[in-house]
Amino acid sequence: MKKNLITVVILALVVVNLVLTAVLTISIVPETKKANELITKVCSAIDLDLQAGDTAGSLAVNVEDLFDYAVNSGETMTINLKNSGDGKDHYGILGISLSLDTTNEDYAKFGSGDLTQYDNVISDTIKSVVAGHTVDEMRNNEEGVKEEILEALQTLFKSSVIVRVNFSSATYN
């Protein structure tokens, strides 16, 4: 009788273990799938960012291989800046040019340095980036803003033919 009772208890424990294992599996597998999807999305975002263009690529381009394109035929752009909380409206007056890599395979595709047909799109992209910054950010982090503009333009053109953004003049008020 004792052997049968022990066998029944062991069988009951095995069934309870099996049920708890099933519950754990059912509750953990969906969370693991969600985590795997998140990891996949992060990895793909990193790969896209790396493929979007090397923003520091201007270091690898010789000066003689650069073509300077003045946005809007060299006219300055007046851009309203983000409210800095001081109660005043601020704006920036920028003269902007782009350095193009003449050795890039897309250089001929974009008119061999003549981006006149894209001036409106380029100007709008630049205004969108600059308008997201306060006057203090523009004064203290001009290089960071140039990098943001460069990344936005490289994403827009889906090419790294633009290797640098230059401010020929910059006045903030």
N, C-alpha and C. Protein backbone atom coordinates (compact mmCIF):
# COMPACT_ATOMS: atom_id res chain seq x y z
N MET A 1 0.80 -1.18 0.00
CA MET A 1 0.00 0.00 0.00
C MET A 1 0.86 1.26 0.00
N LYS A 2 1.98 1.23 0.77
CA LYS A 2 2.84 2.39 0.81
C LYS A 2 3.47 2.65 -0.55
N LYS A 3 3.84 1.62 -1.28
CA LYS A 3 4.46 1.80 -2.60
C LYS A 3 3.47 2.43 -3.57
N ASN A 4 2.22 2.03 -3.51
CA ASN A 4 1.21 2.60 -4.39
C ASN A 4 0.94 4.07 -4.05
N LEU A 5 0.95 4.41 -2.77
CA LEU A 5 0.73 5.79 -2.36
C LEU A 5 1.88 6.68 -2.81
N ILE A 6 3.09 6.20 -2.66
CA ILE A 6 4.27 6.97 -3.10
C ILE A 6 4.23 7.14 -4.62
N THR A 7 3.83 6.12 -5.33
CA THR A 7 3.74 6.19 -6.79
C THR A 7 2.69 7.22 -7.20
N VAL A 8 1.56 7.25 -6.50
CA VAL A 8 0.51 8.21 -6.81
C VAL A 8 1.00 9.64 -6.52
N VAL A 9 1.70 9.84 -5.42
CA VAL A 9 2.23 11.17 -5.07
C VAL A 9 3.24 11.61 -6.13
N ILE A 10 4.13 10.72 -6.54
CA ILE A 10 5.13 11.05 -7.56
C ILE A 10 4.44 11.38 -8.88
N LEU A 11 3.43 10.61 -9.24
CA LEU A 11 2.68 10.88 -10.47
C LEU A 11 1.99 12.25 -10.40
N ALA A 12 1.42 12.57 -9.24
CA ALA A 12 0.77 13.87 -9.07
C ALA A 12 1.79 15.00 -9.19
N LEU A 13 2.97 14.83 -8.60
CA LEU A 13 4.02 15.85 -8.70
C LEU A 13 4.50 16.02 -10.15
N VAL A 14 4.60 14.92 -10.88
CA VAL A 14 5.01 14.99 -12.29
C VAL A 14 3.96 15.76 -13.09
N VAL A 15 2.69 15.50 -12.84
CA VAL A 15 1.62 16.21 -13.55
C VAL A 15 1.64 17.70 -13.20
N VAL A 16 1.82 18.04 -11.93
CA VAL A 16 1.90 19.45 -11.51
C VAL A 16 3.09 20.13 -12.17
N ASN A 17 4.23 19.44 -12.20
CA ASN A 17 5.44 19.98 -12.86
C ASN A 17 5.17 20.21 -14.34
N LEU A 18 4.51 19.29 -14.99
CA LEU A 18 4.19 19.42 -16.40
C LEU A 18 3.26 20.62 -16.64
N VAL A 19 2.27 20.79 -15.80
CA VAL A 19 1.33 21.92 -15.93
C VAL A 19 2.07 23.24 -15.71
N LEU A 20 2.88 23.32 -14.68
CA LEU A 20 3.62 24.57 -14.42
C LEU A 20 4.60 24.88 -15.55
N THR A 21 5.25 23.87 -16.10
CA THR A 21 6.15 24.08 -17.24
C THR A 21 5.37 24.61 -18.44
N ALA A 22 4.18 24.08 -18.68
CA ALA A 22 3.35 24.56 -19.79
C ALA A 22 2.94 26.01 -19.57
N VAL A 23 2.56 26.35 -18.34
CA VAL A 23 2.17 27.74 -18.03
C VAL A 23 3.35 28.68 -18.23
N LEU A 24 4.51 28.29 -17.76
CA LEU A 24 5.70 29.13 -17.95
C LEU A 24 6.02 29.30 -19.43
N THR A 25 5.94 28.23 -20.18
CA THR A 25 6.24 28.30 -21.61
C THR A 25 5.25 29.22 -22.32
N ILE A 26 3.98 29.07 -21.98
CA ILE A 26 2.95 29.91 -22.62
C ILE A 26 3.14 31.38 -22.27
N SER A 27 3.58 31.68 -21.06
CA SER A 27 3.74 33.08 -20.66
C SER A 27 5.08 33.69 -21.11
N ILE A 28 6.11 32.89 -21.28
CA ILE A 28 7.43 33.42 -21.62
C ILE A 28 7.64 33.54 -23.13
N VAL A 29 7.13 32.60 -23.91
CA VAL A 29 7.39 32.60 -25.36
C VAL A 29 6.92 33.90 -26.03
N PRO A 30 5.72 34.42 -25.77
CA PRO A 30 5.33 35.67 -26.43
C PRO A 30 6.25 36.84 -26.06
N GLU A 31 6.66 36.91 -24.80
CA GLU A 31 7.56 38.00 -24.38
C GLU A 31 8.92 37.86 -25.06
N THR A 32 9.39 36.65 -25.23
CA THR A 32 10.65 36.42 -25.92
C THR A 32 10.55 36.83 -27.38
N LYS A 33 9.41 36.55 -28.01
CA LYS A 33 9.21 36.96 -29.40
C LYS A 33 9.21 38.48 -29.52
N LYS A 34 8.55 39.15 -28.57
CA LYS A 34 8.53 40.63 -28.58
C LYS A 34 9.94 41.19 -28.42
N ALA A 35 10.70 40.60 -27.52
CA ALA A 35 12.08 41.05 -27.31
C ALA A 35 12.92 40.83 -28.56
N ASN A 36 12.73 39.70 -29.22
CA ASN A 36 13.47 39.42 -30.47
C ASN A 36 13.09 40.41 -31.56
N GLU A 37 11.81 40.76 -31.65
CA GLU A 37 11.37 41.74 -32.65
C GLU A 37 12.00 43.10 -32.37
N LEU A 38 12.03 43.49 -31.09
CA LEU A 38 12.64 44.77 -30.72
C LEU A 38 14.13 44.78 -31.07
N ILE A 39 14.81 43.70 -30.76
CA ILE A 39 16.24 43.62 -31.08
C ILE A 39 16.45 43.69 -32.58
N THR A 40 15.60 43.02 -33.35
CA THR A 40 15.70 43.06 -34.81
C THR A 40 15.49 44.47 -35.34
N LYS A 41 14.50 45.18 -34.78
CA LYS A 41 14.23 46.55 -35.22
C LYS A 41 15.41 47.47 -34.90
N VAL A 42 15.98 47.32 -33.72
CA VAL A 42 17.12 48.15 -33.35
C VAL A 42 18.31 47.86 -34.26
N CYS A 43 18.55 46.60 -34.53
CA CYS A 43 19.66 46.23 -35.42
C CYS A 43 19.44 46.76 -36.83
N SER A 44 18.22 46.68 -37.32
CA SER A 44 17.96 47.20 -38.66
C SER A 44 18.08 48.71 -38.70
N ALA A 45 17.68 49.39 -37.63
CA ALA A 45 17.82 50.85 -37.58
C ALA A 45 19.30 51.24 -37.59
N ILE A 46 20.11 50.51 -36.88
CA ILE A 46 21.54 50.80 -36.87
C ILE A 46 22.13 50.57 -38.26
N ASP A 47 21.75 49.49 -38.91
CA ASP A 47 22.24 49.21 -40.26
C ASP A 47 21.80 50.30 -41.23
N LEU A 48 20.56 50.78 -41.13
CA LEU A 48 20.09 51.85 -42.02
C LEU A 48 20.89 53.12 -41.79
N ASP A 49 21.17 53.42 -40.51
CA ASP A 49 21.92 54.62 -40.21
C ASP A 49 23.33 54.53 -40.79
N LEU A 50 23.93 53.35 -40.70
CA LEU A 50 25.27 53.18 -41.24
C LEU A 50 25.27 53.27 -42.76
N GLN A 51 24.19 52.82 -43.41
CA GLN A 51 24.12 52.86 -44.85
C GLN A 51 23.69 54.22 -45.37
N ALA A 52 23.07 55.05 -44.52
CA ALA A 52 22.57 56.34 -44.96
C ALA A 52 23.69 57.25 -45.44
N GLY A 53 24.86 57.05 -44.93
CA GLY A 53 25.98 57.86 -45.37
C GLY A 53 26.91 58.17 -44.22
N ASP A 54 28.14 58.26 -44.54
CA ASP A 54 29.14 58.56 -43.54
C ASP A 54 29.21 60.07 -43.41
N THR A 55 28.64 60.61 -42.32
CA THR A 55 28.62 62.06 -42.17
C THR A 55 30.02 62.61 -41.94
N ALA A 56 30.92 61.79 -41.47
CA ALA A 56 32.30 62.23 -41.33
C ALA A 56 33.10 61.92 -42.59
N GLY A 57 32.40 61.58 -43.66
CA GLY A 57 33.04 61.19 -44.91
C GLY A 57 33.83 62.30 -45.55
N SER A 58 33.57 63.54 -45.15
CA SER A 58 34.30 64.66 -45.73
C SER A 58 35.78 64.59 -45.37
N LEU A 59 36.12 63.86 -44.31
CA LEU A 59 37.52 63.71 -43.94
C LEU A 59 38.28 62.86 -44.94
N ALA A 60 37.56 61.97 -45.63
CA ALA A 60 38.19 61.06 -46.58
C ALA A 60 38.26 61.64 -47.99
N VAL A 61 37.71 62.82 -48.20
CA VAL A 61 37.66 63.43 -49.53
C VAL A 61 38.71 64.52 -49.61
N ASN A 62 39.51 64.48 -50.67
CA ASN A 62 40.50 65.52 -50.88
C ASN A 62 39.82 66.84 -51.24
N VAL A 63 40.44 67.93 -50.88
CA VAL A 63 39.87 69.25 -51.14
C VAL A 63 39.68 69.48 -52.64
N GLU A 64 40.60 68.99 -53.45
CA GLU A 64 40.47 69.19 -54.89
C GLU A 64 39.32 68.40 -55.50
N ASP A 65 38.77 67.43 -54.74
CA ASP A 65 37.63 66.64 -55.22
C ASP A 65 36.30 67.19 -54.71
N LEU A 66 36.32 68.33 -54.04
CA LEU A 66 35.10 68.93 -53.53
C LEU A 66 34.58 70.00 -54.48
N PHE A 67 33.27 70.05 -54.64
CA PHE A 67 32.62 71.10 -55.41
C PHE A 67 31.69 71.84 -54.45
N ASP A 68 31.82 73.15 -54.35
CA ASP A 68 31.03 73.94 -53.43
C ASP A 68 29.78 74.45 -54.15
N TYR A 69 28.61 74.07 -53.66
CA TYR A 69 27.34 74.50 -54.25
C TYR A 69 26.65 75.45 -53.28
N ALA A 70 26.41 76.67 -53.73
CA ALA A 70 25.73 77.67 -52.91
C ALA A 70 24.22 77.47 -53.02
N VAL A 71 23.58 77.19 -51.90
CA VAL A 71 22.13 76.97 -51.87
C VAL A 71 21.43 78.30 -52.16
N ASN A 72 20.40 78.27 -52.98
CA ASN A 72 19.64 79.46 -53.37
C ASN A 72 20.54 80.52 -54.00
N SER A 73 21.46 80.09 -54.81
CA SER A 73 22.39 80.98 -55.53
C SER A 73 23.15 81.90 -54.59
N GLY A 74 23.45 81.42 -53.40
CA GLY A 74 24.25 82.19 -52.46
C GLY A 74 23.47 83.19 -51.64
N GLU A 75 22.16 83.30 -51.84
CA GLU A 75 21.35 84.22 -51.04
C GLU A 75 21.20 83.67 -49.63
N THR A 76 21.09 84.57 -48.67
CA THR A 76 20.93 84.14 -47.29
C THR A 76 19.50 83.69 -47.03
N MET A 77 19.36 82.83 -46.04
CA MET A 77 18.04 82.33 -45.64
C MET A 77 17.75 82.86 -44.25
N THR A 78 16.56 83.41 -44.05
CA THR A 78 16.13 83.86 -42.73
C THR A 78 15.19 82.80 -42.18
N ILE A 79 15.56 82.25 -41.03
CA ILE A 79 14.83 81.12 -40.46
C ILE A 79 14.45 81.45 -39.02
N ASN A 80 13.15 81.30 -38.71
CA ASN A 80 12.69 81.48 -37.33
C ASN A 80 13.22 80.34 -36.48
N LEU A 81 13.74 80.67 -35.31
CA LEU A 81 14.29 79.65 -34.41
C LEU A 81 13.28 79.27 -33.35
N LYS A 82 13.51 78.12 -32.74
CA LYS A 82 12.64 77.60 -31.68
C LYS A 82 12.63 78.57 -30.50
N ASN A 83 11.47 78.68 -29.85
CA ASN A 83 11.32 79.57 -28.70
C ASN A 83 12.25 79.11 -27.58
N SER A 84 13.04 80.03 -27.08
CA SER A 84 14.01 79.68 -26.03
C SER A 84 13.46 79.94 -24.64
N GLY A 85 12.21 80.43 -24.54
CA GLY A 85 11.60 80.65 -23.24
C GLY A 85 11.86 82.03 -22.67
N ASP A 86 12.54 82.90 -23.40
CA ASP A 86 12.81 84.24 -22.89
C ASP A 86 11.77 85.26 -23.33
N GLY A 87 10.75 84.81 -24.03
CA GLY A 87 9.67 85.70 -24.45
C GLY A 87 9.94 86.47 -25.72
N LYS A 88 11.09 86.27 -26.32
CA LYS A 88 11.44 86.97 -27.55
C LYS A 88 11.44 86.00 -28.72
N ASP A 89 11.14 86.54 -29.89
CA ASP A 89 11.25 85.74 -31.11
C ASP A 89 12.68 85.85 -31.63
N HIS A 90 13.26 84.72 -31.97
CA HIS A 90 14.64 84.71 -32.47
C HIS A 90 14.65 84.14 -33.88
N TYR A 91 15.64 84.55 -34.64
CA TYR A 91 15.79 84.07 -36.01
C TYR A 91 17.27 84.01 -36.35
N GLY A 92 17.56 83.24 -37.36
CA GLY A 92 18.92 83.14 -37.86
C GLY A 92 18.96 83.52 -39.33
N ILE A 93 19.98 84.22 -39.70
CA ILE A 93 20.20 84.57 -41.11
C ILE A 93 21.44 83.81 -41.55
N LEU A 94 21.23 82.83 -42.43
CA LEU A 94 22.31 81.92 -42.79
C LEU A 94 22.57 81.95 -44.29
N GLY A 95 23.83 82.00 -44.64
CA GLY A 95 24.28 81.76 -46.00
C GLY A 95 24.82 80.34 -46.02
N ILE A 96 24.23 79.46 -46.82
CA ILE A 96 24.58 78.05 -46.74
C ILE A 96 25.09 77.54 -48.09
N SER A 97 26.15 76.74 -47.99
CA SER A 97 26.65 76.04 -49.18
C SER A 97 26.88 74.59 -48.81
N LEU A 98 26.88 73.75 -49.83
CA LEU A 98 27.10 72.32 -49.64
C LEU A 98 28.35 71.91 -50.37
N SER A 99 29.16 71.07 -49.74
CA SER A 99 30.34 70.52 -50.40
C SER A 99 29.97 69.16 -50.96
N LEU A 100 30.14 69.01 -52.27
CA LEU A 100 29.81 67.77 -52.97
C LEU A 100 31.09 67.04 -53.34
N ASP A 101 31.05 65.73 -53.23
CA ASP A 101 32.19 64.88 -53.59
C ASP A 101 32.11 64.57 -55.08
N THR A 102 33.02 65.15 -55.86
CA THR A 102 33.00 64.95 -57.32
C THR A 102 33.39 63.53 -57.71
N THR A 103 34.01 62.77 -56.80
CA THR A 103 34.39 61.40 -57.11
C THR A 103 33.28 60.41 -56.76
N ASN A 104 32.22 60.88 -56.14
CA ASN A 104 31.11 60.01 -55.77
C ASN A 104 30.36 59.57 -57.01
N GLU A 105 29.90 58.33 -57.03
CA GLU A 105 29.21 57.78 -58.20
C GLU A 105 27.88 58.49 -58.48
N ASP A 106 27.29 59.14 -57.47
CA ASP A 106 26.03 59.84 -57.66
C ASP A 106 26.21 61.30 -58.10
N TYR A 107 27.45 61.76 -58.20
CA TYR A 107 27.70 63.15 -58.55
C TYR A 107 27.08 63.50 -59.91
N ALA A 108 27.28 62.67 -60.89
CA ALA A 108 26.71 62.92 -62.22
C ALA A 108 25.19 62.78 -62.21
N LYS A 109 24.68 61.89 -61.37
CA LYS A 109 23.24 61.67 -61.27
C LYS A 109 22.51 62.92 -60.81
N PHE A 110 23.15 63.70 -59.96
CA PHE A 110 22.53 64.92 -59.44
C PHE A 110 23.04 66.16 -60.17
N GLY A 111 23.24 66.07 -61.45
CA GLY A 111 23.54 67.23 -62.27
C GLY A 111 24.95 67.74 -62.19
N SER A 112 25.89 66.92 -61.82
CA SER A 112 27.31 67.29 -61.72
C SER A 112 27.50 68.60 -60.97
N GLY A 113 26.87 68.68 -59.79
CA GLY A 113 27.05 69.84 -58.93
C GLY A 113 26.00 70.90 -59.09
N ASP A 114 25.14 70.80 -60.08
CA ASP A 114 24.08 71.79 -60.26
C ASP A 114 22.80 71.26 -59.62
N LEU A 115 22.59 71.65 -58.38
CA LEU A 115 21.42 71.19 -57.64
C LEU A 115 20.30 72.23 -57.65
N THR A 116 20.33 73.14 -58.61
CA THR A 116 19.36 74.23 -58.66
C THR A 116 17.92 73.72 -58.64
N GLN A 117 17.67 72.62 -59.33
CA GLN A 117 16.31 72.09 -59.37
C GLN A 117 15.84 71.56 -58.02
N TYR A 118 16.78 71.32 -57.10
CA TYR A 118 16.45 70.81 -55.78
C TYR A 118 16.52 71.91 -54.70
N ASP A 119 16.73 73.17 -55.10
CA ASP A 119 16.90 74.25 -54.12
C ASP A 119 15.76 74.34 -53.12
N ASN A 120 14.52 74.24 -53.60
CA ASN A 120 13.38 74.36 -52.69
C ASN A 120 13.36 73.23 -51.67
N VAL A 121 13.62 72.02 -52.10
CA VAL A 121 13.62 70.87 -51.19
C VAL A 121 14.78 70.97 -50.21
N ILE A 122 15.94 71.38 -50.70
CA ILE A 122 17.11 71.55 -49.84
C ILE A 122 16.84 72.63 -48.81
N SER A 123 16.30 73.77 -49.26
CA SER A 123 15.99 74.87 -48.34
C SER A 123 14.99 74.45 -47.28
N ASP A 124 13.97 73.72 -47.68
CA ASP A 124 12.95 73.28 -46.73
C ASP A 124 13.55 72.33 -45.70
N THR A 125 14.42 71.44 -46.13
CA THR A 125 15.07 70.51 -45.21
C THR A 125 15.94 71.26 -44.21
N ILE A 126 16.69 72.22 -44.71
CA ILE A 126 17.55 73.02 -43.84
C ILE A 126 16.71 73.81 -42.84
N LYS A 127 15.62 74.43 -43.32
CA LYS A 127 14.75 75.21 -42.42
C LYS A 127 14.14 74.32 -41.35
N SER A 128 13.74 73.12 -41.72
CA SER A 128 13.15 72.20 -40.75
C SER A 128 14.13 71.85 -39.64
N VAL A 129 15.36 71.61 -40.00
CA VAL A 129 16.37 71.25 -39.00
C VAL A 129 16.72 72.45 -38.12
N VAL A 130 16.98 73.59 -38.75
CA VAL A 130 17.40 74.78 -37.99
C VAL A 130 16.27 75.28 -37.10
N ALA A 131 15.02 75.22 -37.57
CA ALA A 131 13.89 75.71 -36.79
C ALA A 131 13.66 74.91 -35.51
N GLY A 132 14.25 73.74 -35.42
CA GLY A 132 14.12 72.91 -34.22
C GLY A 132 15.12 73.26 -33.14
N HIS A 133 15.90 74.32 -33.34
CA HIS A 133 16.93 74.70 -32.37
C HIS A 133 16.69 76.11 -31.85
N THR A 134 17.09 76.34 -30.61
CA THR A 134 17.00 77.68 -30.03
C THR A 134 18.21 78.49 -30.46
N VAL A 135 18.16 79.78 -30.18
CA VAL A 135 19.26 80.66 -30.56
C VAL A 135 20.55 80.26 -29.83
N ASP A 136 20.42 79.84 -28.57
CA ASP A 136 21.61 79.42 -27.82
C ASP A 136 22.22 78.15 -28.40
N GLU A 137 21.37 77.21 -28.80
CA GLU A 137 21.87 75.98 -29.42
C GLU A 137 22.59 76.28 -30.72
N MET A 138 22.06 77.23 -31.48
CA MET A 138 22.70 77.59 -32.75
C MET A 138 24.05 78.24 -32.50
N ARG A 139 24.13 79.09 -31.52
CA ARG A 139 25.40 79.78 -31.24
C ARG A 139 26.45 78.82 -30.67
N ASN A 140 26.01 77.95 -29.77
CA ASN A 140 26.96 77.10 -29.04
C ASN A 140 27.25 75.76 -29.70
N ASN A 141 26.39 75.33 -30.62
CA ASN A 141 26.56 74.01 -31.21
C ASN A 141 26.34 74.06 -32.72
N GLU A 142 26.98 74.99 -33.36
CA GLU A 142 26.81 75.16 -34.81
C GLU A 142 27.24 73.92 -35.57
N GLU A 143 28.33 73.29 -35.15
CA GLU A 143 28.82 72.09 -35.83
C GLU A 143 27.83 70.94 -35.71
N GLY A 144 27.19 70.81 -34.55
CA GLY A 144 26.19 69.77 -34.37
C GLY A 144 24.99 69.98 -35.28
N VAL A 145 24.58 71.24 -35.45
CA VAL A 145 23.46 71.56 -36.34
C VAL A 145 23.85 71.26 -37.79
N LYS A 146 25.08 71.57 -38.16
CA LYS A 146 25.55 71.26 -39.52
C LYS A 146 25.50 69.75 -39.76
N GLU A 147 25.88 68.95 -38.76
CA GLU A 147 25.84 67.49 -38.88
C GLU A 147 24.40 67.01 -39.05
N GLU A 148 23.47 67.61 -38.29
CA GLU A 148 22.06 67.24 -38.44
C GLU A 148 21.54 67.55 -39.84
N ILE A 149 21.91 68.73 -40.35
CA ILE A 149 21.49 69.11 -41.70
C ILE A 149 22.09 68.13 -42.71
N LEU A 150 23.37 67.80 -42.55
CA LEU A 150 24.03 66.87 -43.45
C LEU A 150 23.33 65.52 -43.46
N GLU A 151 23.03 64.99 -42.27
CA GLU A 151 22.34 63.70 -42.18
C GLU A 151 20.97 63.76 -42.86
N ALA A 152 20.24 64.87 -42.65
CA ALA A 152 18.92 65.01 -43.25
C ALA A 152 19.02 65.07 -44.78
N LEU A 153 20.02 65.78 -45.29
CA LEU A 153 20.18 65.88 -46.75
C LEU A 153 20.64 64.56 -47.36
N GLN A 154 21.53 63.86 -46.67
CA GLN A 154 21.97 62.56 -47.17
C GLN A 154 20.81 61.57 -47.18
N THR A 155 19.95 61.65 -46.20
CA THR A 155 18.77 60.80 -46.17
C THR A 155 17.81 61.20 -47.29
N LEU A 156 17.65 62.50 -47.50
CA LEU A 156 16.76 62.99 -48.56
C LEU A 156 17.20 62.51 -49.93
N PHE A 157 18.48 62.65 -50.23
CA PHE A 157 19.01 62.26 -51.54
C PHE A 157 19.37 60.78 -51.61
N LYS A 158 19.32 60.09 -50.46
CA LYS A 158 19.71 58.67 -50.39
C LYS A 158 21.09 58.45 -51.02
N SER A 159 21.98 59.37 -50.67
CA SER A 159 23.32 59.33 -51.24
C SER A 159 24.27 60.09 -50.31
N SER A 160 25.54 59.76 -50.41
CA SER A 160 26.54 60.48 -49.63
C SER A 160 27.34 61.43 -50.52
N VAL A 161 26.72 61.88 -51.62
CA VAL A 161 27.39 62.83 -52.51
C VAL A 161 27.63 64.16 -51.80
N ILE A 162 26.73 64.54 -50.88
CA ILE A 162 26.94 65.73 -50.06
C ILE A 162 27.75 65.30 -48.86
N VAL A 163 28.92 65.90 -48.70
CA VAL A 163 29.81 65.46 -47.61
C VAL A 163 29.98 66.50 -46.52
N ARG A 164 29.48 67.72 -46.77
CA ARG A 164 29.67 68.75 -45.76
C ARG A 164 28.67 69.88 -45.97
N VAL A 165 28.23 70.49 -44.87
CA VAL A 165 27.38 71.67 -44.91
C VAL A 165 28.22 72.83 -44.37
N ASN A 166 28.21 73.94 -45.10
CA ASN A 166 29.01 75.11 -44.72
C ASN A 166 28.10 76.30 -44.49
N PHE A 167 28.38 77.08 -43.45
CA PHE A 167 27.69 78.35 -43.23
C PHE A 167 28.66 79.44 -43.67
N SER A 168 28.40 80.04 -44.85
CA SER A 168 29.28 81.12 -45.30
C SER A 168 29.07 82.37 -44.47
N SER A 169 27.85 82.52 -43.94
CA SER A 169 27.57 83.59 -42.99
C SER A 169 26.51 83.11 -42.04
N ALA A 170 26.58 83.55 -40.80
CA ALA A 170 25.60 83.15 -39.79
C ALA A 170 25.43 84.27 -38.81
N THR A 171 24.19 84.79 -38.74
CA THR A 171 23.85 85.83 -37.80
C THR A 171 22.61 85.38 -37.05
N TYR A 172 22.66 85.46 -35.74
CA TYR A 172 21.53 85.03 -34.91
C TYR A 172 21.04 86.22 -34.10
N ASN A 173 19.73 86.36 -34.05
CA ASN A 173 19.15 87.46 -33.29
C ASN A 173 17.95 86.96 -32.53
